[in-house]
Structure formats: C-alpha cells, structure tokens
Amino acid sequence: MATTNYTIDRYSVFHNTLDTTNGLTAVINCFEGRTHRGTLYFYRDGFTAPPSQKIANGALYLRFHEARFGEVIGTLRYEKPLSLTFNDANNWGSILSGEEMIGEQEG
C-alpha cells in the first residue's frame, strides 16, 4: 500500500461557469514552492465525480462536491503546515493540517 504525501504552501483558485457536461464548478491548484503537487476539483452536488487519482507525473487529483468548497478553502487560508496525501490502494486522498496547540487561533 503506497501513500504519497506532499507539503503544500501555495494555491490558486479557478471558478468555472456552470458546465452541464461534466459538473465541474471550481478548481484549486496546489503547489510546493513552484512545483505543482495536486489539483482539487469541485463538482456540482448530486453529480457523480470521477475517483481521485495520482497521475503519471505524481500529481494528485482529489475530487470533492461543491458543498465542501468553503471548508476546503478555509483550511487552505488559515491552517499551516498543510499537506496533500493519496493512498494508492483505495484512491483515497486528503488535505491534512499539521499539529497545533489546542485553543490556538491563527491571526
């Protein structure tokens, strides 16, 4: 069971117009420095999104429903350190924050 883990420190966001052919509503590209580490795809709620995957160059493609966009962008904005992970055995991916003290509130 191979697991890929990348630290990320930058991101860019794209909001798409409604496209009824694939349900894609937003995309967040994640970087470690200038190296692209993964893309977070957000699909219309109720749309069956493709499974998350690791592509040939090692980048992670993680897929979510659009209802989760707010919590994901909040994590990217307010938490650090952050990483993207992917488990090859079950195509399961995640965004992880590092440990922080209980009750700590970041500026």
Protein backbone atom coordinates (compact mmCIF):
# COMPACT_ATOMS: atom_id res chain seq x y z
CA MET A 1 0.00 0.00 0.00
CA ALA A 2 1.78 3.13 -1.23
CA THR A 3 0.91 6.52 0.19
CA THR A 4 2.03 9.80 -1.39
CA ASN A 5 2.41 12.85 0.82
CA TYR A 6 3.28 16.36 -0.39
CA THR A 7 3.73 19.52 1.65
CA ILE A 8 1.90 22.44 0.05
CA ASP A 9 2.42 26.15 0.64
CA ARG A 10 0.67 27.93 -2.26
CA TYR A 11 -2.58 27.64 -4.18
CA SER A 12 -4.58 29.23 -6.99
CA VAL A 13 -8.35 29.11 -7.46
CA PHE A 14 -10.46 28.97 -10.62
CA HIS A 15 -14.26 29.21 -10.60
CA ASN A 16 -15.91 27.77 -13.68
CA THR A 17 -19.19 28.78 -15.23
CA LEU A 18 -21.85 26.10 -15.00
CA ASP A 19 -20.94 23.32 -17.40
CA THR A 20 -23.64 20.69 -17.64
CA THR A 21 -21.37 18.19 -19.42
CA ASN A 22 -19.05 17.37 -16.51
CA GLY A 23 -20.40 19.20 -13.45
CA LEU A 24 -17.09 20.89 -12.63
CA THR A 25 -17.63 24.16 -10.72
CA ALA A 26 -14.21 25.07 -9.23
CA VAL A 27 -10.56 24.04 -9.33
CA ILE A 28 -7.79 24.70 -6.81
CA ASN A 29 -4.20 24.04 -7.89
CA CYS A 30 -1.81 23.30 -5.01
CA PHE A 31 1.93 23.92 -5.06
CA GLU A 32 5.07 23.31 -3.04
CA GLY A 33 7.08 26.37 -3.98
CA ARG A 34 6.72 26.46 -7.76
CA THR A 35 6.15 22.70 -8.11
CA HIS A 36 2.57 21.65 -8.85
CA ARG A 37 1.65 18.92 -6.36
CA GLY A 38 -2.04 18.47 -6.94
CA THR A 39 -5.39 19.77 -8.07
CA LEU A 40 -8.61 19.84 -6.08
CA TYR A 41 -11.69 19.52 -8.30
CA PHE A 42 -15.16 20.53 -7.09
CA TYR A 43 -18.28 19.12 -8.75
CA ARG A 44 -21.93 20.09 -8.58
CA ASP A 45 -23.68 18.48 -5.65
CA GLY A 46 -25.53 15.38 -6.82
CA PHE A 47 -23.09 14.85 -9.71
CA THR A 48 -21.05 11.65 -9.67
CA ALA A 49 -17.45 12.80 -9.78
CA PRO A 50 -14.64 10.62 -11.13
CA PRO A 51 -12.47 8.94 -8.47
CA SER A 52 -9.47 10.75 -7.06
CA GLN A 53 -6.18 9.64 -8.58
CA LYS A 54 -2.42 10.07 -8.77
CA ILE A 55 -1.39 10.79 -12.35
CA ALA A 56 1.77 9.65 -14.13
CA ASN A 57 3.87 12.69 -13.13
CA GLY A 58 2.97 12.12 -9.45
CA ALA A 59 0.48 14.99 -9.09
CA LEU A 60 -2.63 14.24 -7.05
CA TYR A 61 -6.12 14.88 -8.41
CA LEU A 62 -8.55 14.99 -5.49
CA ARG A 63 -12.28 15.36 -6.12
CA PHE A 64 -14.97 16.88 -3.89
CA HIS A 65 -18.57 18.03 -4.11
CA GLU A 66 -19.04 21.80 -4.27
CA ALA A 67 -20.70 21.87 -0.83
CA ARG A 68 -17.21 21.24 0.61
CA PHE A 69 -15.55 24.18 -1.18
CA GLY A 70 -15.95 26.58 1.77
CA GLU A 71 -14.37 24.26 4.31
CA VAL A 72 -11.52 23.32 1.97
CA ILE A 73 -10.67 26.92 1.05
CA GLY A 74 -10.87 27.83 4.74
CA THR A 75 -8.33 25.13 5.55
CA LEU A 76 -6.02 26.41 2.82
CA ARG A 77 -6.35 30.01 4.03
CA TYR A 78 -5.98 29.52 7.76
CA GLU A 79 -4.02 26.36 8.52
CA LYS A 80 -0.33 25.54 8.24
CA PRO A 81 1.58 23.44 7.66
CA LEU A 82 -0.56 21.64 5.09
CA SER A 83 -0.11 18.54 3.00
CA LEU A 84 -1.92 16.56 0.34
CA THR A 85 -1.97 12.79 0.69
CA PHE A 86 -3.11 9.93 -1.51
CA ASN A 87 -3.40 6.22 -0.82
CA ASP A 88 -2.91 4.15 -3.99
CA ALA A 89 -4.67 1.10 -2.58
CA ASN A 90 -8.09 2.72 -2.34
CA ASN A 91 -7.81 6.03 -4.28
CA TRP A 92 -8.39 7.93 -1.04
CA GLY A 93 -6.97 11.44 -0.80
CA SER A 94 -6.99 14.18 1.80
CA ILE A 95 -5.81 17.61 2.84
CA LEU A 96 -4.07 17.48 6.21
CA SER A 97 -3.04 20.17 8.63
CA GLY A 98 -0.06 19.78 10.93
CA GLU A 99 -0.39 19.53 14.68
CA GLU A 100 -1.22 22.70 16.57
CA MET A 101 -1.91 23.54 20.17
CA ILE A 102 -5.49 23.17 21.41
CA GLY A 103 -7.19 26.56 21.57
CA GLU A 104 -4.63 28.21 19.31
CA GLN A 105 -6.15 30.70 16.93
CA GLU A 106 -4.10 31.82 13.99
CA GLY A 107 -4.04 35.52 13.10
